[in-house]
PDB file of N, CA and C in Angstrom:
ATOM      1  N   UNK A   1       0.608   5.381  54.813  1.00  0.00           N
ATOM      2  CA  UNK A   1       0.230   4.565  55.960  1.00  0.00           C
ATOM      3  C   UNK A   1      -0.613   3.386  55.478  1.00  0.00           C
ATOM      4  N   UNK A   2      -0.337   2.216  56.049  1.00  0.00           N
ATOM      5  CA  UNK A   2      -1.066   1.024  55.661  1.00  0.00           C
ATOM      6  C   UNK A   2      -2.479   1.019  56.225  1.00  0.00           C
ATOM      7  N   UNK A   3      -3.389   0.451  55.469  1.00  0.00           N
ATOM      8  CA  UNK A   3      -4.773   0.282  55.904  1.00  0.00           C
ATOM      9  C   UNK A   3      -4.836  -1.028  56.676  1.00  0.00           C
ATOM     10  N   UNK A   4      -5.210  -0.963  57.937  1.00  0.00           N
ATOM     11  CA  UNK A   4      -5.164  -2.139  58.811  1.00  0.00           C
ATOM     12  C   UNK A   4      -6.546  -2.747  59.040  1.00  0.00           C
ATOM     13  N   UNK A   5      -6.555  -3.888  59.700  1.00  0.00           N
ATOM     14  CA  UNK A   5      -7.806  -4.532  60.088  1.00  0.00           C
ATOM     15  C   UNK A   5      -8.614  -3.625  61.018  1.00  0.00           C
ATOM     16  N   UNK A   6      -7.926  -2.892  61.879  1.00  0.00           N
ATOM     17  CA  UNK A   6      -8.629  -1.985  62.788  1.00  0.00           C
ATOM     18  C   UNK A   6      -9.216  -0.787  62.039  1.00  0.00           C
ATOM     19  N   UNK A   7      -8.523  -0.325  61.004  1.00  0.00           N
ATOM     20  CA  UNK A   7      -9.073   0.743  60.162  1.00  0.00           C
ATOM     21  C   UNK A   7     -10.353   0.255  59.480  1.00  0.00           C
ATOM     22  N   UNK A   8     -10.298  -0.955  58.968  1.00  0.00           N
ATOM     23  CA  UNK A   8     -11.464  -1.562  58.327  1.00  0.00           C
ATOM     24  C   UNK A   8     -12.622  -1.650  59.313  1.00  0.00           C
ATOM     25  N   UNK A   9     -12.343  -2.125  60.523  1.00  0.00           N
ATOM     26  CA  UNK A   9     -13.375  -2.261  61.553  1.00  0.00           C
ATOM     27  C   UNK A   9     -13.995  -0.905  61.875  1.00  0.00           C
ATOM     28  N   UNK A  10     -13.163   0.095  62.040  1.00  0.00           N
ATOM     29  CA  UNK A  10     -13.654   1.448  62.349  1.00  0.00           C
ATOM     30  C   UNK A  10     -14.557   1.960  61.234  1.00  0.00           C
ATOM     31  N   UNK A  11     -14.123   1.806  59.990  1.00  0.00           N
ATOM     32  CA  UNK A  11     -14.901   2.297  58.858  1.00  0.00           C
ATOM     33  C   UNK A  11     -16.261   1.603  58.751  1.00  0.00           C
ATOM     34  N   UNK A  12     -16.293   0.299  58.987  1.00  0.00           N
ATOM     35  CA  UNK A  12     -17.557  -0.439  58.917  1.00  0.00           C
ATOM     36  C   UNK A  12     -18.473  -0.038  60.069  1.00  0.00           C
ATOM     37  N   UNK A  13     -17.928   0.038  61.281  1.00  0.00           N
ATOM     38  CA  UNK A  13     -18.761   0.359  62.441  1.00  0.00           C
ATOM     39  C   UNK A  13     -19.272   1.797  62.410  1.00  0.00           C
ATOM     40  N   UNK A  14     -18.546   2.695  61.772  1.00  0.00           N
ATOM     41  CA  UNK A  14     -19.032   4.067  61.643  1.00  0.00           C
ATOM     42  C   UNK A  14     -20.306   4.127  60.811  1.00  0.00           C
ATOM     43  N   UNK A  15     -20.450   3.188  59.881  1.00  0.00           N
ATOM     44  CA  UNK A  15     -21.624   3.140  59.017  1.00  0.00           C
ATOM     45  C   UNK A  15     -22.752   2.287  59.614  1.00  0.00           C
ATOM     46  N   UNK A  16     -22.449   1.562  60.669  1.00  0.00           N
ATOM     47  CA  UNK A  16     -23.415   0.645  61.269  1.00  0.00           C
ATOM     48  C   UNK A  16     -24.248   1.337  62.345  1.00  0.00           C
ATOM     49  N   UNK A  17     -25.480   0.880  62.482  1.00  0.00           N
ATOM     50  CA  UNK A  17     -26.359   1.439  63.510  1.00  0.00           C
ATOM     51  C   UNK A  17     -26.467   0.521  64.719  1.00  0.00           C
ATOM     52  N   UNK A  18     -25.717  -0.605  64.691  1.00  0.00           N
ATOM     53  CA  UNK A  18     -25.752  -1.552  65.803  1.00  0.00           C
ATOM     54  C   UNK A  18     -24.441  -2.316  65.884  1.00  0.00           C
ATOM     55  N   UNK A  19     -24.144  -2.931  67.039  1.00  0.00           N
ATOM     56  CA  UNK A  19     -22.945  -3.746  67.170  1.00  0.00           C
ATOM     57  C   UNK A  19     -22.975  -4.932  66.201  1.00  0.00           C
ATOM     58  N   UNK A  20     -21.787  -5.362  65.765  1.00  0.00           N
ATOM     59  CA  UNK A  20     -21.683  -6.447  64.791  1.00  0.00           C
ATOM     60  C   UNK A  20     -20.722  -7.526  65.266  1.00  0.00           C
ATOM     61  N   UNK A  21     -20.956  -8.765  64.815  1.00  0.00           N
ATOM     62  CA  UNK A  21     -20.002  -9.847  65.046  1.00  0.00           C
ATOM     63  C   UNK A  21     -18.849  -9.673  64.059  1.00  0.00           C
ATOM     64  N   UNK A  22     -17.771 -10.396  64.276  1.00  0.00           N
ATOM     65  CA  UNK A  22     -16.628 -10.311  63.364  1.00  0.00           C
ATOM     66  C   UNK A  22     -17.049 -10.750  61.965  1.00  0.00           C
ATOM     67  N   UNK A  23     -17.841 -11.796  61.881  1.00  0.00           N
ATOM     68  CA  UNK A  23     -18.313 -12.270  60.572  1.00  0.00           C
ATOM     69  C   UNK A  23     -19.150 -11.194  59.872  1.00  0.00           C
ATOM     70  N   UNK A  24     -20.050 -10.566  60.599  1.00  0.00           N
ATOM     71  CA  UNK A  24     -20.866  -9.496  60.028  1.00  0.00           C
ATOM     72  C   UNK A  24     -19.999  -8.316  59.583  1.00  0.00           C
ATOM     73  N   UNK A  25     -18.981  -7.996  60.389  1.00  0.00           N
ATOM     74  CA  UNK A  25     -18.042  -6.929  60.024  1.00  0.00           C
ATOM     75  C   UNK A  25     -17.383  -7.242  58.684  1.00  0.00           C
ATOM     76  N   UNK A  26     -16.900  -8.467  58.547  1.00  0.00           N
ATOM     77  CA  UNK A  26     -16.177  -8.873  57.343  1.00  0.00           C
ATOM     78  C   UNK A  26     -17.099  -8.845  56.117  1.00  0.00           C
ATOM     79  N   UNK A  27     -18.319  -9.366  56.271  1.00  0.00           N
ATOM     80  CA  UNK A  27     -19.280  -9.389  55.163  1.00  0.00           C
ATOM     81  C   UNK A  27     -19.608  -7.957  54.711  1.00  0.00           C
ATOM     82  N   UNK A  28     -19.855  -7.063  55.670  1.00  0.00           N
ATOM     83  CA  UNK A  28     -20.158  -5.663  55.328  1.00  0.00           C
ATOM     84  C   UNK A  28     -18.956  -4.995  54.658  1.00  0.00           C
ATOM     85  N   UNK A  29     -17.742  -5.308  55.146  1.00  0.00           N
ATOM     86  CA  UNK A  29     -16.529  -4.742  54.547  1.00  0.00           C
ATOM     87  C   UNK A  29     -16.370  -5.212  53.110  1.00  0.00           C
ATOM     88  N   UNK A  30     -16.690  -6.469  52.858  1.00  0.00           N
ATOM     89  CA  UNK A  30     -16.648  -6.977  51.475  1.00  0.00           C
ATOM     90  C   UNK A  30     -17.667  -6.234  50.615  1.00  0.00           C
ATOM     91  N   UNK A  31     -18.843  -6.025  51.168  1.00  0.00           N
ATOM     92  CA  UNK A  31     -19.915  -5.361  50.432  1.00  0.00           C
ATOM     93  C   UNK A  31     -19.606  -3.931  50.022  1.00  0.00           C
ATOM     94  N   UNK A  32     -18.810  -3.240  50.842  1.00  0.00           N
ATOM     95  CA  UNK A  32     -18.488  -1.844  50.505  1.00  0.00           C
ATOM     96  C   UNK A  32     -17.067  -1.689  49.949  1.00  0.00           C
ATOM     97  N   UNK A  33     -16.418  -2.823  49.660  1.00  0.00           N
ATOM     98  CA  UNK A  33     -15.125  -2.792  48.981  1.00  0.00           C
ATOM     99  C   UNK A  33     -13.918  -2.459  49.826  1.00  0.00           C
ATOM    100  N   UNK A  34     -14.004  -2.664  51.128  1.00  0.00           N
ATOM    101  CA  UNK A  34     -12.868  -2.341  51.993  1.00  0.00           C
ATOM    102  C   UNK A  34     -11.867  -3.489  52.143  1.00  0.00           C
ATOM    103  N   UNK A  35     -12.304  -4.710  51.905  1.00  0.00           N
ATOM    104  CA  UNK A  35     -11.439  -5.868  52.114  1.00  0.00           C
ATOM    105  C   UNK A  35     -10.193  -5.792  51.231  1.00  0.00           C
ATOM    106  N   UNK A  36     -10.350  -5.313  50.014  1.00  0.00           N
ATOM    107  CA  UNK A  36      -9.206  -5.230  49.097  1.00  0.00           C
ATOM    108  C   UNK A  36      -8.159  -4.221  49.560  1.00  0.00           C
ATOM    109  N   UNK A  37      -8.540  -3.297  50.445  1.00  0.00           N
ATOM    110  CA  UNK A  37      -7.590  -2.304  50.957  1.00  0.00           C
ATOM    111  C   UNK A  37      -6.650  -2.889  52.010  1.00  0.00           C
ATOM    112  N   UNK A  38      -7.066  -3.994  52.646  1.00  0.00           N
ATOM    113  CA  UNK A  38      -6.233  -4.653  53.654  1.00  0.00           C
ATOM    114  C   UNK A  38      -5.318  -5.626  52.936  1.00  0.00           C
ATOM    115  N   UNK A  39      -4.051  -5.420  53.071  1.00  0.00           N
ATOM    116  CA  UNK A  39      -3.079  -6.300  52.412  1.00  0.00           C
ATOM    117  C   UNK A  39      -2.826  -7.511  53.308  1.00  0.00           C
ATOM    118  N   UNK A  40      -3.529  -8.604  52.993  1.00  0.00           N
ATOM    119  CA  UNK A  40      -3.338  -9.815  53.772  1.00  0.00           C
ATOM    120  C   UNK A  40      -3.282 -11.006  52.838  1.00  0.00           C
ATOM    121  N   UNK A  41      -2.434 -11.957  53.174  1.00  0.00           N
ATOM    122  CA  UNK A  41      -2.340 -13.174  52.377  1.00  0.00           C
ATOM    123  C   UNK A  41      -2.752 -14.383  53.207  1.00  0.00           C
ATOM    124  N   UNK A  42      -3.285 -14.114  54.389  1.00  0.00           N
ATOM    125  CA  UNK A  42      -3.686 -15.200  55.272  1.00  0.00           C
ATOM    126  C   UNK A  42      -4.913 -15.934  54.776  1.00  0.00           C
ATOM    127  N   UNK A  43      -5.064 -17.162  55.242  1.00  0.00           N
ATOM    128  CA  UNK A  43      -6.198 -17.983  54.828  1.00  0.00           C
ATOM    129  C   UNK A  43      -7.434 -17.715  55.680  1.00  0.00           C
ATOM    130  N   UNK A  44      -7.255 -17.097  56.839  1.00  0.00           N
ATOM    131  CA  UNK A  44      -8.377 -16.860  57.754  1.00  0.00           C
ATOM    132  C   UNK A  44      -8.410 -15.393  58.191  1.00  0.00           C
ATOM    133  N   UNK A  45      -8.720 -14.505  57.256  1.00  0.00           N
ATOM    134  CA  UNK A  45      -8.687 -13.076  57.602  1.00  0.00           C
ATOM    135  C   UNK A  45      -9.690 -12.690  58.688  1.00  0.00           C
ATOM    136  N   UNK A  46     -10.820 -13.397  58.773  1.00  0.00           N
ATOM    137  CA  UNK A  46     -11.791 -13.086  59.834  1.00  0.00           C
ATOM    138  C   UNK A  46     -11.193 -13.359  61.206  1.00  0.00           C
ATOM    139  N   UNK A  47     -10.418 -14.417  61.318  1.00  0.00           N
ATOM    140  CA  UNK A  47      -9.780 -14.737  62.605  1.00  0.00           C
ATOM    141  C   UNK A  47      -8.698 -13.713  62.935  1.00  0.00           C
ATOM    142  N   UNK A  48      -7.994 -13.250  61.924  1.00  0.00           N
ATOM    143  CA  UNK A  48      -6.992 -12.204  62.139  1.00  0.00           C
ATOM    144  C   UNK A  48      -7.676 -10.923  62.611  1.00  0.00           C
ATOM    145  N   UNK A  49      -8.784 -10.579  61.971  1.00  0.00           N
ATOM    146  CA  UNK A  49      -9.554  -9.408  62.377  1.00  0.00           C
ATOM    147  C   UNK A  49      -9.992  -9.532  63.830  1.00  0.00           C
ATOM    148  N   UNK A  50     -10.523 -10.686  64.200  1.00  0.00           N
ATOM    149  CA  UNK A  50     -10.971 -10.915  65.581  1.00  0.00           C
ATOM    150  C   UNK A  50      -9.809 -10.764  66.558  1.00  0.00           C
ATOM    151  N   UNK A  51      -8.673 -11.351  66.225  1.00  0.00           N
ATOM    152  CA  UNK A  51      -7.509 -11.284  67.109  1.00  0.00           C
ATOM    153  C   UNK A  51      -7.043  -9.845  67.306  1.00  0.00           C
ATOM    154  N   UNK A  52      -6.958  -9.080  66.237  1.00  0.00           N
ATOM    155  CA  UNK A  52      -6.518  -7.683  66.335  1.00  0.00           C
ATOM    156  C   UNK A  52      -7.491  -6.866  67.182  1.00  0.00           C
ATOM    157  N   UNK A  53      -8.778  -7.146  67.019  1.00  0.00           N
ATOM    158  CA  UNK A  53      -9.806  -6.424  67.764  1.00  0.00           C
ATOM    159  C   UNK A  53      -9.742  -6.750  69.251  1.00  0.00           C
ATOM    160  N   UNK A  54      -9.651  -8.038  69.585  1.00  0.00           N
ATOM    161  CA  UNK A  54      -9.563  -8.452  70.992  1.00  0.00           C
ATOM    162  C   UNK A  54      -8.317  -7.878  71.665  1.00  0.00           C
ATOM    163  N   UNK A  55      -7.187  -7.923  70.974  1.00  0.00           N
ATOM    164  CA  UNK A  55      -5.935  -7.411  71.542  1.00  0.00           C
ATOM    165  C   UNK A  55      -6.016  -5.898  71.737  1.00  0.00           C
ATOM    166  N   UNK A  56      -6.590  -5.188  70.771  1.00  0.00           N
ATOM    167  CA  UNK A  56      -6.713  -3.736  70.911  1.00  0.00           C
ATOM    168  C   UNK A  56      -7.580  -3.379  72.117  1.00  0.00           C
ATOM    169  N   UNK A  57      -8.686  -4.067  72.276  1.00  0.00           N
ATOM    170  CA  UNK A  57      -9.579  -3.792  73.407  1.00  0.00           C
ATOM    171  C   UNK A  57      -8.889  -4.128  74.735  1.00  0.00           C
ATOM    172  N   UNK A  58      -8.170  -5.231  74.771  1.00  0.00           N
ATOM    173  CA  UNK A  58      -7.514  -5.682  76.001  1.00  0.00           C
ATOM    174  C   UNK A  58      -6.317  -4.802  76.379  1.00  0.00           C
ATOM    175  N   UNK A  59      -5.500  -4.430  75.407  1.00  0.00           N
ATOM    176  CA  UNK A  59      -4.220  -3.779  75.704  1.00  0.00           C
ATOM    177  C   UNK A  59      -4.221  -2.260  75.571  1.00  0.00           C
ATOM    178  N   UNK A  60      -5.225  -1.711  74.942  1.00  0.00           N
ATOM    179  CA  UNK A  60      -5.252  -0.278  74.688  1.00  0.00           C
ATOM    180  C   UNK A  60      -6.394   0.343  75.489  1.00  0.00           C
ATOM    181  N   UNK A  61      -6.062   0.978  76.597  1.00  0.00           N
ATOM    182  CA  UNK A  61      -7.122   1.549  77.437  1.00  0.00           C
ATOM    183  C   UNK A  61      -7.863   2.690  76.742  1.00  0.00           C
ATOM    184  N   UNK A  62      -7.296   3.209  75.667  1.00  0.00           N
ATOM    185  CA  UNK A  62      -7.970   4.257  74.898  1.00  0.00           C
ATOM    186  C   UNK A  62      -8.522   3.714  73.579  1.00  0.00           C
ATOM    187  N   UNK A  63      -8.803   2.414  73.547  1.00  0.00           N
ATOM    188  CA  UNK A  63      -9.354   1.793  72.343  1.00  0.00           C
ATOM    189  C   UNK A  63     -10.665   2.473  71.965  1.00  0.00           C
ATOM    190  N   UNK A  64     -10.886   2.605  70.674  1.00  0.00           N
ATOM    191  CA  UNK A  64     -12.135   3.195  70.205  1.00  0.00           C
ATOM    192  C   UNK A  64     -13.234   2.134  70.072  1.00  0.00           C
ATOM    193  N   UNK A  65     -12.882   0.877  70.353  1.00  0.00           N
ATOM    194  CA  UNK A  65     -13.819  -0.236  70.248  1.00  0.00           C
ATOM    195  C   UNK A  65     -14.154  -0.797  71.623  1.00  0.00           C
ATOM    196  N   UNK A  66     -15.317  -1.443  71.717  1.00  0.00           N
ATOM    197  CA  UNK A  66     -15.639  -2.208  72.914  1.00  0.00           C
ATOM    198  C   UNK A  66     -16.474  -3.415  72.508  1.00  0.00           C
ATOM    199  N   UNK A  67     -16.436  -4.438  73.349  1.00  0.00           N
ATOM    200  CA  UNK A  67     -17.225  -5.635  73.110  1.00  0.00           C
ATOM    201  C   UNK A  67     -18.563  -5.458  73.803  1.00  0.00           C
ATOM    202  N   UNK A  68     -19.633  -5.428  73.029  1.00  0.00           N
ATOM    203  CA  UNK A  68     -20.959  -5.149  73.589  1.00  0.00           C
ATOM    204  C   UNK A  68     -21.667  -6.392  74.098  1.00  0.00           C
ATOM    205  N   UNK A  69     -21.287  -7.562  73.603  1.00  0.00           N
ATOM    206  CA  UNK A  69     -21.875  -8.813  74.093  1.00  0.00           C
ATOM    207  C   UNK A  69     -20.882  -9.951  73.889  1.00  0.00           C
ATOM    208  N   UNK A  70     -21.097 -11.042  74.629  1.00  0.00           N
ATOM    209  CA  UNK A  70     -20.156 -12.154  74.564  1.00  0.00           C
ATOM    210  C   UNK A  70     -20.634 -13.307  73.685  1.00  0.00           C
ATOM    211  N   UNK A  71     -21.899 -13.650  73.724  1.00  0.00           N
ATOM    212  CA  UNK A  71     -22.404 -14.781  72.936  1.00  0.00           C
ATOM    213  C   UNK A  71     -23.635 -14.382  72.176  1.00  0.00           C
ATOM    214  N   UNK A  72     -23.522 -14.059  70.945  1.00  0.00           N
ATOM    215  CA  UNK A  72     -22.291 -13.980  70.163  1.00  0.00           C
ATOM    216  C   UNK A  72     -21.513 -12.701  70.487  1.00  0.00           C
ATOM    217  N   UNK A  73     -20.204 -12.782  70.290  1.00  0.00           N
ATOM    218  CA  UNK A  73     -19.360 -11.613  70.550  1.00  0.00           C
ATOM    219  C   UNK A  73     -19.664 -10.552  69.500  1.00  0.00           C
ATOM    220  N   UNK A  74     -20.081  -9.382  69.974  1.00  0.00           N
ATOM    221  CA  UNK A  74     -20.362  -8.256  69.084  1.00  0.00           C
ATOM    222  C   UNK A  74     -19.537  -7.057  69.525  1.00  0.00           C
ATOM    223  N   UNK A  75     -19.177  -6.253  68.549  1.00  0.00           N
ATOM    224  CA  UNK A  75     -18.298  -5.119  68.795  1.00  0.00           C
ATOM    225  C   UNK A  75     -18.923  -3.841  68.253  1.00  0.00           C
ATOM    226  N   UNK A  76     -18.534  -2.726  68.882  1.00  0.00           N
ATOM    227  CA  UNK A  76     -19.060  -1.438  68.472  1.00  0.00           C
ATOM    228  C   UNK A  76     -18.052  -0.354  68.825  1.00  0.00           C
ATOM    229  N   UNK A  77     -18.333   0.855  68.385  1.00  0.00           N
ATOM    230  CA  UNK A  77     -17.489   1.996  68.702  1.00  0.00           C
ATOM    231  C   UNK A  77     -17.860   2.591  70.055  1.00  0.00           C
ATOM    232  N   UNK A  78     -16.872   2.944  70.832  1.00  0.00           N
ATOM    233  CA  UNK A  78     -17.116   3.576  72.133  1.00  0.00           C
ATOM    234  C   UNK A  78     -17.923   4.867  71.945  1.00  0.00           C
ATOM    235  N   UNK A  79     -17.637   5.584  70.872  1.00  0.00           N
ATOM    236  CA  UNK A  79     -18.349   6.847  70.617  1.00  0.00           C
ATOM    237  C   UNK A  79     -19.832   6.662  70.358  1.00  0.00           C
ATOM    238  N   UNK A  80     -20.253   5.451  70.006  1.00  0.00           N
ATOM    239  CA  UNK A  80     -21.663   5.168  69.771  1.00  0.00           C
ATOM    240  C   UNK A  80     -22.288   4.347  70.893  1.00  0.00           C
ATOM    241  N   UNK A  81     -21.546   4.186  71.973  1.00  0.00           N
ATOM    242  CA  UNK A  81     -22.004   3.357  73.080  1.00  0.00           C
ATOM    243  C   UNK A  81     -23.307   3.895  73.656  1.00  0.00           C
ATOM    244  N   UNK A  82     -24.238   2.976  73.845  1.00  0.00           N
ATOM    245  CA  UNK A  82     -25.526   3.335  74.445  1.00  0.00           C
ATOM    246  C   UNK A  82     -25.331   3.450  75.937  1.00  0.00           C
ATOM    247  N   UNK A  83     -25.669   4.588  76.489  1.00  0.00           N
ATOM    248  CA  UNK A  83     -25.420   4.818  77.914  1.00  0.00           C
ATOM    249  C   UNK A  83     -26.650   4.548  78.724  1.00  0.00           C
TER     250      UNK A  83
END
């Protein structure tokens, strides 16, 4: 099975104690060596990550992600949602 942008996001957010922006997600993924697992040849992988995340949240009612704030847009895991 291929390692996707959403897999990367899940792995980073599982280690995070707070919601992150897409840029913060990407930087943390680089820091822990996950970026090389995503097979992408695009010039703007952060934008691809953002697009996949937004589409998953919008189209998948059982998404494991949610957008915690809009400006700046931050994302987190539903399982870690502060109630």
